[in-house]
Amino acid sequence: HNDKNIIVTGFVEDVREYLNKGTFLILPMEIGAGFRGR
């Protein structure tokens, strides 16, 4: 985290505030198990 080009939020009450800033989501997957709610 450097508060410039890399921002690590930790737990936040409303994730939409940060998700709304994103152009796209990257979701690397190793195994196809479980339910990917995100």
PDB file of all heavy atoms in Angstrom:
ATOM      1  N   HIS A   1       0.835  -1.208   0.000  1.00  0.00           N
ATOM      2  CA  HIS A   1       0.000   0.000   0.000  1.00  0.00           C
ATOM      3  C   HIS A   1       0.868   1.255   0.000  1.00  0.00           C
ATOM      4  O   HIS A   1       1.749   1.423   0.841  1.00  0.00           O
ATOM      5  CB  HIS A   1      -0.897  -0.002   1.243  1.00  0.00           C
ATOM      6  CG  HIS A   1      -1.740   1.228   1.368  1.00  0.00           C
ATOM      7  ND1 HIS A   1      -2.918   1.392   0.687  1.00  0.00           N
ATOM      8  CD2 HIS A   1      -1.564   2.361   2.093  1.00  0.00           C
ATOM      9  CE1 HIS A   1      -3.447   2.565   0.988  1.00  0.00           C
ATOM     10  NE2 HIS A   1      -2.631   3.172   1.838  1.00  0.00           N
ATOM     11  N   ASN A   2       0.621   2.141  -0.962  1.00  0.00           N
ATOM     12  CA  ASN A   2       1.351   3.418  -0.988  1.00  0.00           C
ATOM     13  C   ASN A   2       0.414   4.615  -1.125  1.00  0.00           C
ATOM     14  O   ASN A   2       0.863   5.749  -1.251  1.00  0.00           O
ATOM     15  CB  ASN A   2       2.395   3.428  -2.113  1.00  0.00           C
ATOM     16  CG  ASN A   2       1.771   3.226  -3.487  1.00  0.00           C
ATOM     17  OD1 ASN A   2       0.574   3.424  -3.679  1.00  0.00           O
ATOM     18  ND2 ASN A   2       2.594   2.820  -4.454  1.00  0.00           N
ATOM     19  N   ASP A   3      -0.898   4.332  -1.144  1.00  0.00           N
ATOM     20  CA  ASP A   3      -1.931   5.378  -1.211  1.00  0.00           C
ATOM     21  C   ASP A   3      -1.861   6.188  -2.509  1.00  0.00           C
ATOM     22  O   ASP A   3      -2.453   7.261  -2.598  1.00  0.00           O
ATOM     23  CB  ASP A   3      -1.835   6.309  -0.002  1.00  0.00           C
ATOM     24  CG  ASP A   3      -3.202   6.903   0.357  1.00  0.00           C
ATOM     25  OD1 ASP A   3      -4.221   6.269   0.025  1.00  0.00           O
ATOM     26  OD2 ASP A   3      -3.243   7.997   0.948  1.00  0.00           O
ATOM     27  N   LYS A   4      -1.144   5.676  -3.497  1.00  0.00           N
ATOM     28  CA  LYS A   4      -1.047   6.367  -4.787  1.00  0.00           C
ATOM     29  C   LYS A   4      -1.576   5.470  -5.893  1.00  0.00           C
ATOM     30  O   LYS A   4      -2.706   5.621  -6.348  1.00  0.00           O
ATOM     31  CB  LYS A   4       0.398   6.778  -5.048  1.00  0.00           C
ATOM     32  CG  LYS A   4       0.907   7.852  -4.086  1.00  0.00           C
ATOM     33  CD  LYS A   4       2.358   8.185  -4.374  1.00  0.00           C
ATOM     34  CE  LYS A   4       2.873   9.229  -3.380  1.00  0.00           C
ATOM     35  NZ  LYS A   4       4.318   9.529  -3.601  1.00  0.00           N
ATOM     36  N   ASN A   5      -0.724   4.519  -6.303  1.00  0.00           N
ATOM     37  CA  ASN A   5      -1.182   3.626  -7.375  1.00  0.00           C
ATOM     38  C   ASN A   5      -1.526   2.223  -6.873  1.00  0.00           C
ATOM     39  O   ASN A   5      -2.089   1.424  -7.616  1.00  0.00           O
ATOM     40  CB  ASN A   5      -0.125   3.532  -8.484  1.00  0.00           C
ATOM     41  CG  ASN A   5       1.174   2.933  -7.984  1.00  0.00           C
ATOM     42  OD1 ASN A   5       1.583   3.208  -6.860  1.00  0.00           O
ATOM     43  ND2 ASN A   5       1.818   2.129  -8.801  1.00  0.00           N
ATOM     44  N   ILE A   6      -1.212   1.922  -5.606  1.00  0.00           N
ATOM     45  CA  ILE A   6      -1.609   0.648  -5.014  1.00  0.00           C
ATOM     46  C   ILE A   6      -2.316   0.940  -3.688  1.00  0.00           C
ATOM     47  O   ILE A   6      -1.706   1.469  -2.748  1.00  0.00           O
ATOM     48  CB  ILE A   6      -0.415  -0.292  -4.789  1.00  0.00           C
ATOM     49  CG1 ILE A   6       0.239  -0.645  -6.127  1.00  0.00           C
ATOM     50  CG2 ILE A   6      -0.877  -1.569  -4.077  1.00  0.00           C
ATOM     51  CD1 ILE A   6       1.398  -1.598  -6.041  1.00  0.00           C
ATOM     52  N   ILE A   7      -3.597   0.596  -3.627  1.00  0.00           N
ATOM     53  CA  ILE A   7      -4.415   0.886  -2.442  1.00  0.00           C
ATOM     54  C   ILE A   7      -4.922  -0.422  -1.863  1.00  0.00           C
ATOM     55  O   ILE A   7      -5.653  -1.172  -2.521  1.00  0.00           O
ATOM     56  CB  ILE A   7      -5.611   1.810  -2.799  1.00  0.00           C
ATOM     57  CG1 ILE A   7      -5.105   3.174  -3.261  1.00  0.00           C
ATOM     58  CG2 ILE A   7      -6.538   1.967  -1.587  1.00  0.00           C
ATOM     59  CD1 ILE A   7      -4.911   3.320  -4.730  1.00  0.00           C
ATOM     60  N   VAL A   8      -4.518  -0.714  -0.633  1.00  0.00           N
ATOM     61  CA  VAL A   8      -4.985  -1.903   0.084  1.00  0.00           C
ATOM     62  C   VAL A   8      -5.990  -1.430   1.120  1.00  0.00           C
ATOM     63  O   VAL A   8      -5.644  -0.695   2.046  1.00  0.00           O
ATOM     64  CB  VAL A   8      -3.819  -2.650   0.772  1.00  0.00           C
ATOM     65  CG1 VAL A   8      -4.330  -3.914   1.460  1.00  0.00           C
ATOM     66  CG2 VAL A   8      -2.726  -2.997  -0.230  1.00  0.00           C
ATOM     67  N   THR A   9      -7.241  -1.838   0.975  1.00  0.00           N
ATOM     68  CA  THR A   9      -8.294  -1.267   1.822  1.00  0.00           C
ATOM     69  C   THR A   9      -8.395  -1.925   3.197  1.00  0.00           C
ATOM     70  O   THR A   9      -8.732  -1.270   4.174  1.00  0.00           O
ATOM     71  CB  THR A   9      -9.669  -1.406   1.139  1.00  0.00           C
ATOM     72  OG1 THR A   9     -10.019  -2.793   1.058  1.00  0.00           O
ATOM     73  CG2 THR A   9      -9.650  -0.794  -0.244  1.00  0.00           C
ATOM     74  N   GLY A  10      -8.147  -3.239   3.279  1.00  0.00           N
ATOM     75  CA  GLY A  10      -8.551  -3.955   4.477  1.00  0.00           C
ATOM     76  C   GLY A  10     -10.066  -4.045   4.502  1.00  0.00           C
ATOM     77  O   GLY A  10     -10.736  -3.742   3.496  1.00  0.00           O
ATOM     78  N   PHE A  11     -10.644  -4.425   5.620  1.00  0.00           N
ATOM     79  CA  PHE A  11     -12.102  -4.554   5.714  1.00  0.00           C
ATOM     80  C   PHE A  11     -12.763  -3.179   5.583  1.00  0.00           C
ATOM     81  O   PHE A  11     -12.322  -2.204   6.192  1.00  0.00           O
ATOM     82  CB  PHE A  11     -12.500  -5.188   7.040  1.00  0.00           C
ATOM     83  CG  PHE A  11     -13.989  -5.222   7.260  1.00  0.00           C
ATOM     84  CD1 PHE A  11     -14.763  -6.198   6.653  1.00  0.00           C
ATOM     85  CD2 PHE A  11     -14.616  -4.267   8.047  1.00  0.00           C
ATOM     86  CE1 PHE A  11     -16.138  -6.231   6.826  1.00  0.00           C
ATOM     87  CE2 PHE A  11     -15.995  -4.290   8.241  1.00  0.00           C
ATOM     88  CZ  PHE A  11     -16.747  -5.277   7.624  1.00  0.00           C
ATOM     89  N   VAL A  12     -13.810  -3.098   4.757  1.00  0.00           N
ATOM     90  CA  VAL A  12     -14.579  -1.856   4.628  1.00  0.00           C
ATOM     91  C   VAL A  12     -16.066  -2.175   4.774  1.00  0.00           C
ATOM     92  O   VAL A  12     -16.514  -3.266   4.415  1.00  0.00           O
ATOM     93  CB  VAL A  12     -14.330  -1.155   3.275  1.00  0.00           C
ATOM     94  CG1 VAL A  12     -12.919  -0.610   3.204  1.00  0.00           C
ATOM     95  CG2 VAL A  12     -14.601  -2.077   2.104  1.00  0.00           C
ATOM     96  N   GLU A  13     -16.815  -1.228   5.319  1.00  0.00           N
ATOM     97  CA  GLU A  13     -18.245  -1.439   5.552  1.00  0.00           C
ATOM     98  C   GLU A  13     -19.015  -1.551   4.236  1.00  0.00           C
ATOM     99  O   GLU A  13     -19.904  -2.372   4.085  1.00  0.00           O
ATOM    100  CB  GLU A  13     -18.821  -0.284   6.389  1.00  0.00           C
ATOM    101  CG  GLU A  13     -18.397  -0.310   7.853  1.00  0.00           C
ATOM    102  CD  GLU A  13     -18.961  -1.497   8.614  1.00  0.00           C
ATOM    103  OE1 GLU A  13     -20.012  -2.043   8.201  1.00  0.00           O
ATOM    104  OE2 GLU A  13     -18.341  -1.895   9.620  1.00  0.00           O
ATOM    105  N   ASP A  14     -18.684  -0.683   3.268  1.00  0.00           N
ATOM    106  CA  ASP A  14     -19.388  -0.681   1.984  1.00  0.00           C
ATOM    107  C   ASP A  14     -18.362  -0.823   0.864  1.00  0.00           C
ATOM    108  O   ASP A  14     -17.704   0.139   0.470  1.00  0.00           O
ATOM    109  CB  ASP A  14     -20.181   0.614   1.822  1.00  0.00           C
ATOM    110  CG  ASP A  14     -21.086   0.600   0.586  1.00  0.00           C
ATOM    111  OD1 ASP A  14     -20.950  -0.322  -0.245  1.00  0.00           O
ATOM    112  OD2 ASP A  14     -21.918   1.509   0.455  1.00  0.00           O
ATOM    113  N   VAL A  15     -18.217  -2.048   0.358  1.00  0.00           N
ATOM    114  CA  VAL A  15     -17.192  -2.309  -0.665  1.00  0.00           C
ATOM    115  C   VAL A  15     -17.493  -1.595  -1.970  1.00  0.00           C
ATOM    116  O   VAL A  15     -16.593  -1.384  -2.788  1.00  0.00           O
ATOM    117  CB  VAL A  15     -17.039  -3.828  -0.941  1.00  0.00           C
ATOM    118  CG1 VAL A  15     -16.513  -4.543   0.284  1.00  0.00           C
ATOM    119  CG2 VAL A  15     -18.343  -4.445  -1.427  1.00  0.00           C
ATOM    120  N   ARG A  16     -18.754  -1.191  -2.187  1.00  0.00           N
ATOM    121  CA  ARG A  16     -19.128  -0.554  -3.449  1.00  0.00           C
ATOM    122  C   ARG A  16     -18.339   0.730  -3.698  1.00  0.00           C
ATOM    123  O   ARG A  16     -18.061   1.084  -4.843  1.00  0.00           O
ATOM    124  CB  ARG A  16     -20.625  -0.254  -3.470  1.00  0.00           C
ATOM    125  CG  ARG A  16     -21.515  -1.483  -3.428  1.00  0.00           C
ATOM    126  CD  ARG A  16     -22.970  -1.082  -3.323  1.00  0.00           C
ATOM    127  NE  ARG A  16     -23.218  -0.225  -2.177  1.00  0.00           N
ATOM    128  CZ  ARG A  16     -24.384   0.356  -1.902  1.00  0.00           C
ATOM    129  NH1 ARG A  16     -25.416   0.150  -2.706  1.00  0.00           N
ATOM    130  NH2 ARG A  16     -24.538   1.125  -0.838  1.00  0.00           N
ATOM    131  N   GLU A  17     -17.994   1.426  -2.620  1.00  0.00           N
ATOM    132  CA  GLU A  17     -17.238   2.680  -2.739  1.00  0.00           C
ATOM    133  C   GLU A  17     -15.943   2.455  -3.513  1.00  0.00           C
ATOM    134  O   GLU A  17     -15.531   3.289  -4.323  1.00  0.00           O
ATOM    135  CB  GLU A  17     -16.931   3.219  -1.335  1.00  0.00           C
ATOM    136  CG  GLU A  17     -16.072   4.469  -1.333  1.00  0.00           C
ATOM    137  CD  GLU A  17     -15.616   4.854   0.062  1.00  0.00           C
ATOM    138  OE1 GLU A  17     -16.172   4.316   1.050  1.00  0.00           O
ATOM    139  OE2 GLU A  17     -14.690   5.674   0.148  1.00  0.00           O
ATOM    140  N   TYR A  18     -15.288   1.317  -3.250  1.00  0.00           N
ATOM    141  CA  TYR A  18     -14.019   1.019  -3.920  1.00  0.00           C
ATOM    142  C   TYR A  18     -14.228   0.263  -5.220  1.00  0.00           C
ATOM    143  O   TYR A  18     -13.532   0.504  -6.209  1.00  0.00           O
ATOM    144  CB  TYR A  18     -13.109   0.225  -2.986  1.00  0.00           C
ATOM    145  CG  TYR A  18     -12.580   1.064  -1.850  1.00  0.00           C
ATOM    146  CD1 TYR A  18     -13.214   1.081  -0.616  1.00  0.00           C
ATOM    147  CD2 TYR A  18     -11.461   1.872  -2.036  1.00  0.00           C
ATOM    148  CE1 TYR A  18     -12.747   1.861   0.423  1.00  0.00           C
ATOM    149  CE2 TYR A  18     -10.982   2.672  -1.007  1.00  0.00           C
ATOM    150  CZ  TYR A  18     -11.624   2.661   0.216  1.00  0.00           C
ATOM    151  OH  TYR A  18     -11.150   3.457   1.225  1.00  0.00           O
ATOM    152  N   LEU A  19     -15.189  -0.640  -5.241  1.00  0.00           N
ATOM    153  CA  LEU A  19     -15.452  -1.384  -6.469  1.00  0.00           C
ATOM    154  C   LEU A  19     -15.847  -0.439  -7.595  1.00  0.00           C
ATOM    155  O   LEU A  19     -15.516  -0.655  -8.758  1.00  0.00           O
ATOM    156  CB  LEU A  19     -16.572  -2.406  -6.248  1.00  0.00           C
ATOM    157  CG  LEU A  19     -16.304  -3.544  -5.243  1.00  0.00           C
ATOM    158  CD1 LEU A  19     -17.493  -4.504  -5.219  1.00  0.00           C
ATOM    159  CD2 LEU A  19     -15.032  -4.298  -5.583  1.00  0.00           C
ATOM    160  N   ASN A  20     -16.540   0.617  -7.238  1.00  0.00           N
ATOM    161  CA  ASN A  20     -17.033   1.570  -8.229  1.00  0.00           C
ATOM    162  C   ASN A  20     -15.899   2.286  -8.970  1.00  0.00           C
ATOM    163  O   ASN A  20     -16.096   2.845 -10.038  1.00  0.00           O
ATOM    164  CB  ASN A  20     -17.933   2.607  -7.553  1.00  0.00           C
ATOM    165  CG  ASN A  20     -18.844   3.308  -8.541  1.00  0.00           C
ATOM    166  OD1 ASN A  20     -19.418   2.665  -9.418  1.00  0.00           O
ATOM    167  ND2 ASN A  20     -18.969   4.613  -8.422  1.00  0.00           N
ATOM    168  N   LYS A  21     -14.691   2.248  -8.399  1.00  0.00           N
ATOM    169  CA  LYS A  21     -13.557   2.927  -9.011  1.00  0.00           C
ATOM    170  C   LYS A  21     -12.911   2.082 -10.103  1.00  0.00           C
ATOM    171  O   LYS A  21     -12.099   2.565 -10.883  1.00  0.00           O
ATOM    172  CB  LYS A  21     -12.502   3.241  -7.945  1.00  0.00           C
ATOM    173  CG  LYS A  21     -12.977   4.176  -6.834  1.00  0.00           C
ATOM    174  CD  LYS A  21     -11.894   4.312  -5.768  1.00  0.00           C
ATOM    175  CE  LYS A  21     -12.378   5.102  -4.564  1.00  0.00           C
ATOM    176  NZ  LYS A  21     -12.571   6.524  -4.840  1.00  0.00           N
ATOM    177  N   GLY A  22     -13.251   0.798 -10.155  1.00  0.00           N
ATOM    178  CA  GLY A  22     -12.514  -0.134 -10.987  1.00  0.00           C
ATOM    179  C   GLY A  22     -12.957  -0.208 -12.432  1.00  0.00           C
ATOM    180  O   GLY A  22     -14.146  -0.174 -12.744  1.00  0.00           O
ATOM    181  N   THR A  23     -11.983  -0.292 -13.341  1.00  0.00           N
ATOM    182  CA  THR A  23     -12.265  -0.502 -14.750  1.00  0.00           C
ATOM    183  C   THR A  23     -12.633  -1.966 -14.989  1.00  0.00           C
ATOM    184  O   THR A  23     -13.541  -2.282 -15.734  1.00  0.00           O
ATOM    185  CB  THR A  23     -11.025  -0.152 -15.597  1.00  0.00           C
ATOM    186  OG1 THR A  23     -10.555   1.132 -15.194  1.00  0.00           O
ATOM    187  CG2 THR A  23     -11.354  -0.152 -17.079  1.00  0.00           C
ATOM    188  N   PHE A  24     -11.891  -2.862 -14.346  1.00  0.00           N
ATOM    189  CA  PHE A  24     -12.219  -4.282 -14.440  1.00  0.00           C
ATOM    190  C   PHE A  24     -11.700  -5.027 -13.214  1.00  0.00           C
ATOM    191  O   PHE A  24     -10.873  -4.517 -12.461  1.00  0.00           O
ATOM    192  CB  PHE A  24     -11.673  -4.910 -15.735  1.00  0.00           C
ATOM    193  CG  PHE A  24     -10.174  -4.908 -15.854  1.00  0.00           C
ATOM    194  CD1 PHE A  24      -9.413  -5.974 -15.403  1.00  0.00           C
ATOM    195  CD2 PHE A  24      -9.518  -3.833 -16.458  1.00  0.00           C
ATOM    196  CE1 PHE A  24      -8.032  -5.972 -15.532  1.00  0.00           C
ATOM    197  CE2 PHE A  24      -8.137  -3.829 -16.597  1.00  0.00           C
ATOM    198  CZ  PHE A  24      -7.391  -4.897 -16.126  1.00  0.00           C
ATOM    199  N   LEU A  25     -12.217  -6.218 -13.039  1.00  0.00           N
ATOM    200  CA  LEU A  25     -11.837  -7.078 -11.912  1.00  0.00           C
ATOM    201  C   LEU A  25     -10.965  -8.204 -12.424  1.00  0.00           C
ATOM    202  O   LEU A  25     -11.246  -8.794 -13.469  1.00  0.00           O
ATOM    203  CB  LEU A  25     -13.085  -7.676 -11.261  1.00  0.00           C
ATOM    204  CG  LEU A  25     -12.827  -8.755 -10.187  1.00  0.00           C
ATOM    205  CD1 LEU A  25     -12.575  -8.111  -8.840  1.00  0.00           C
ATOM    206  CD2 LEU A  25     -14.007  -9.716 -10.088  1.00  0.00           C
ATOM    207  N   ILE A  26      -9.906  -8.495 -11.692  1.00  0.00           N
ATOM    208  CA  ILE A  26      -9.115  -9.680 -12.017  1.00  0.00           C
ATOM    209  C   ILE A  26      -9.383 -10.738 -10.961  1.00  0.00           C
ATOM    210  O   ILE A  26      -9.378 -10.450  -9.763  1.00  0.00           O
ATOM    211  CB  ILE A  26      -7.605  -9.377 -12.122  1.00  0.00           C
ATOM    212  CG1 ILE A  26      -6.827 -10.650 -12.462  1.00  0.00           C
ATOM    213  CG2 ILE A  26      -7.060  -8.766 -10.841  1.00  0.00           C
ATOM    214  CD1 ILE A  26      -5.675 -10.455 -13.384  1.00  0.00           C
ATOM    215  N   LEU A  27      -9.668 -11.955 -11.422  1.00  0.00           N
ATOM    216  CA  LEU A  27     -10.017 -13.032 -10.493  1.00  0.00           C
ATOM    217  C   LEU A  27      -9.239 -14.304 -10.865  1.00  0.00           C
ATOM    218  O   LEU A  27      -9.751 -15.180 -11.546  1.00  0.00           O
ATOM    219  CB  LEU A  27     -11.527 -13.308 -10.556  1.00  0.00           C
ATOM    220  CG  LEU A  27     -12.058 -14.324  -9.547  1.00  0.00           C
ATOM    221  CD1 LEU A  27     -12.092 -13.730  -8.165  1.00  0.00           C
ATOM    222  CD2 LEU A  27     -13.447 -14.786  -9.943  1.00  0.00           C
ATOM    223  N   PRO A  28      -7.977 -14.391 -10.470  1.00  0.00           N
ATOM    224  CA  PRO A  28      -7.199 -15.592 -10.781  1.00  0.00           C
ATOM    225  C   PRO A  28      -7.784 -16.792 -10.034  1.00  0.00           C
ATOM    226  O   PRO A  28      -8.053 -16.701  -8.840  1.00  0.00           O
ATOM    227  CB  PRO A  28      -5.799 -15.274 -10.257  1.00  0.00           C
ATOM    228  CG  PRO A  28      -5.812 -13.819  -9.920  1.00  0.00           C
ATOM    229  CD  PRO A  28      -7.216 -13.459  -9.641  1.00  0.00           C
ATOM    230  N   MET A  29      -7.974 -17.896 -10.743  1.00  0.00           N
ATOM    231  CA  MET A  29      -8.554 -19.076 -10.095  1.00  0.00           C
ATOM    232  C   MET A  29      -7.647 -20.286 -10.281  1.00  0.00           C
ATOM    233  O   MET A  29      -7.154 -20.545 -11.371  1.00  0.00           O
ATOM    234  CB  MET A  29      -9.942 -19.369 -10.659  1.00  0.00           C
ATOM    235  CG  MET A  29     -10.957 -18.321 -10.295  1.00  0.00           C
ATOM    236  SD  MET A  29     -12.633 -18.806 -10.742  1.00  0.00           S
ATOM    237  CE  MET A  29     -12.922 -20.120  -9.558  1.00  0.00           C
ATOM    238  N   GLU A  30      -7.446 -20.979  -9.184  1.00  0.00           N
ATOM    239  CA  GLU A  30      -6.591 -22.166  -9.209  1.00  0.00           C
ATOM    240  C   GLU A  30      -7.432 -23.434  -9.311  1.00  0.00           C
ATOM    241  O   GLU A  30      -7.064 -24.393  -9.974  1.00  0.00           O
ATOM    242  CB  GLU A  30      -5.744 -22.194  -7.937  1.00  0.00           C
ATOM    243  CG  GLU A  30      -4.495 -23.027  -8.044  1.00  0.00           C
ATOM    244  CD  GLU A  30      -3.509 -22.712  -6.934  1.00  0.00           C
ATOM    245  OE1 GLU A  30      -3.477 -21.570  -6.450  1.00  0.00           O
ATOM    246  OE2 GLU A  30      -2.779 -23.627  -6.542  1.00  0.00           O
ATOM    247  N   ILE A  31      -8.563 -23.421  -8.614  1.00  0.00           N
ATOM    248  CA  ILE A  31      -9.463 -24.581  -8.644  1.00  0.00           C
ATOM    249  C   ILE A  31     -10.890 -24.096  -8.858  1.00  0.00           C
ATOM    250  O   ILE A  31     -11.252 -23.001  -8.435  1.00  0.00           O
ATOM    251  CB  ILE A  31      -9.391 -25.412  -7.337  1.00  0.00           C
ATOM    252  CG1 ILE A  31      -9.651 -24.518  -6.113  1.00  0.00           C
ATOM    253  CG2 ILE A  31      -8.050 -26.099  -7.202  1.00  0.00           C
ATOM    254  CD1 ILE A  31      -9.745 -25.287  -4.807  1.00  0.00           C
ATOM    255  N   GLY A  32     -11.694 -24.895  -9.537  1.00  0.00           N
ATOM    256  CA  GLY A  32     -13.088 -24.508  -9.784  1.00  0.00           C
ATOM    257  C   GLY A  32     -13.998 -25.059  -8.716  1.00  0.00           C
ATOM    258  O   GLY A  32     -14.844 -25.906  -8.972  1.00  0.00           O
ATOM    259  N   ALA A  33     -13.816 -24.603  -7.475  1.00  0.00           N
ATOM    260  CA  ALA A  33     -14.612 -25.133  -6.366  1.00  0.00           C
ATOM    261  C   ALA A  33     -15.287 -24.001  -5.621  1.00  0.00           C
ATOM    262  O   ALA A  33     -14.821 -22.875  -5.626  1.00  0.00           O
ATOM    263  CB  ALA A  33     -13.720 -25.922  -5.409  1.00  0.00           C
ATOM    264  N   GLY A  34     -16.412 -24.322  -4.985  1.00  0.00           N
ATOM    265  CA  GLY A  34     -17.097 -23.334  -4.176  1.00  0.00           C
ATOM    266  C   GLY A  34     -17.940 -22.378  -5.010  1.00  0.00           C
ATOM    267  O   GLY A  34     -18.036 -22.492  -6.229  1.00  0.00           O
ATOM    268  N   PHE A  35     -18.534 -21.411  -4.335  1.00  0.00           N
ATOM    269  CA  PHE A  35     -19.396 -20.426  -4.987  1.00  0.00           C
ATOM    270  C   PHE A  35     -18.692 -19.082  -4.976  1.00  0.00           C
ATOM    271  O   PHE A  35     -18.360 -18.566  -3.917  1.00  0.00           O
ATOM    272  CB  PHE A  35     -20.731 -20.337  -4.239  1.00  0.00           C
ATOM    273  CG  PHE A  35     -21.612 -19.215  -4.732  1.00  0.00           C
ATOM    274  CD1 PHE A  35     -22.168 -19.284  -5.994  1.00  0.00           C
ATOM    275  CD2 PHE A  35     -21.868 -18.109  -3.953  1.00  0.00           C
ATOM    276  CE1 PHE A  35     -22.969 -18.256  -6.465  1.00  0.00           C
ATOM    277  CE2 PHE A  35     -22.672 -17.077  -4.413  1.00  0.00           C
ATOM    278  CZ  PHE A  35     -23.219 -17.159  -5.675  1.00  0.00           C
ATOM    279  N   ARG A  36     -18.426 -18.541  -6.131  1.00  0.00           N
ATOM    280  CA  ARG A  36     -17.698 -17.281  -6.228  1.00  0.00           C
ATOM    281  C   ARG A  36     -18.680 -16.117  -6.189  1.00  0.00           C
ATOM    282  O   ARG A  36     -19.033 -15.526  -7.212  1.00  0.00           O
ATOM    283  CB  ARG A  36     -16.869 -17.270  -7.519  1.00  0.00           C
ATOM    284  CG  ARG A  36     -15.774 -18.332  -7.520  1.00  0.00           C
ATOM    285  CD  ARG A  36     -14.659 -17.990  -6.532  1.00  0.00           C
ATOM    286  NE  ARG A  36     -13.834 -19.158  -6.235  1.00  0.00           N
ATOM    287  CZ  ARG A  36     -13.967 -19.879  -5.139  1.00  0.00           C
ATOM    288  NH1 ARG A  36     -14.861 -19.572  -4.228  1.00  0.00           N
ATOM    289  NH2 ARG A  36     -13.176 -20.909  -4.922  1.00  0.00           N
ATOM    290  N   GLY A  37     -19.128 -15.780  -4.970  1.00  0.00           N
ATOM    291  CA  GLY A  37     -20.124 -14.725  -4.792  1.00  0.00           C
ATOM    292  C   GLY A  37     -19.686 -13.392  -5.345  1.00  0.00           C
ATOM    293  O   GLY A  37     -20.486 -12.604  -5.850  1.00  0.00           O
ATOM    294  N   ARG A  38     -18.386 -13.121  -5.293  1.00  0.00           N
ATOM    295  CA  ARG A  38     -17.895 -11.804  -5.743  1.00  0.00           C
ATOM    296  C   ARG A  38     -18.096 -11.600  -7.241  1.00  0.00           C
ATOM    297  O   ARG A  38     -18.181 -10.481  -7.718  1.00  0.00           O
ATOM    298  CB  ARG A  38     -16.437 -11.637  -5.336  1.00  0.00           C
ATOM    299  CG  ARG A  38     -15.458 -12.445  -6.127  1.00  0.00           C
ATOM    300  CD  ARG A  38     -14.116 -12.520  -5.464  1.00  0.00           C
ATOM    301  NE  ARG A  38     -13.980 -13.797  -4.783  1.00  0.00           N
ATOM    302  CZ  ARG A  38     -12.810 -14.372  -4.537  1.00  0.00           C
ATOM    303  NH1 ARG A  38     -11.705 -13.765  -4.870  1.00  0.00           N
ATOM    304  NH2 ARG A  38     -12.742 -15.528  -3.941  1.00  0.00           N
TER     305      ARG A  38
END
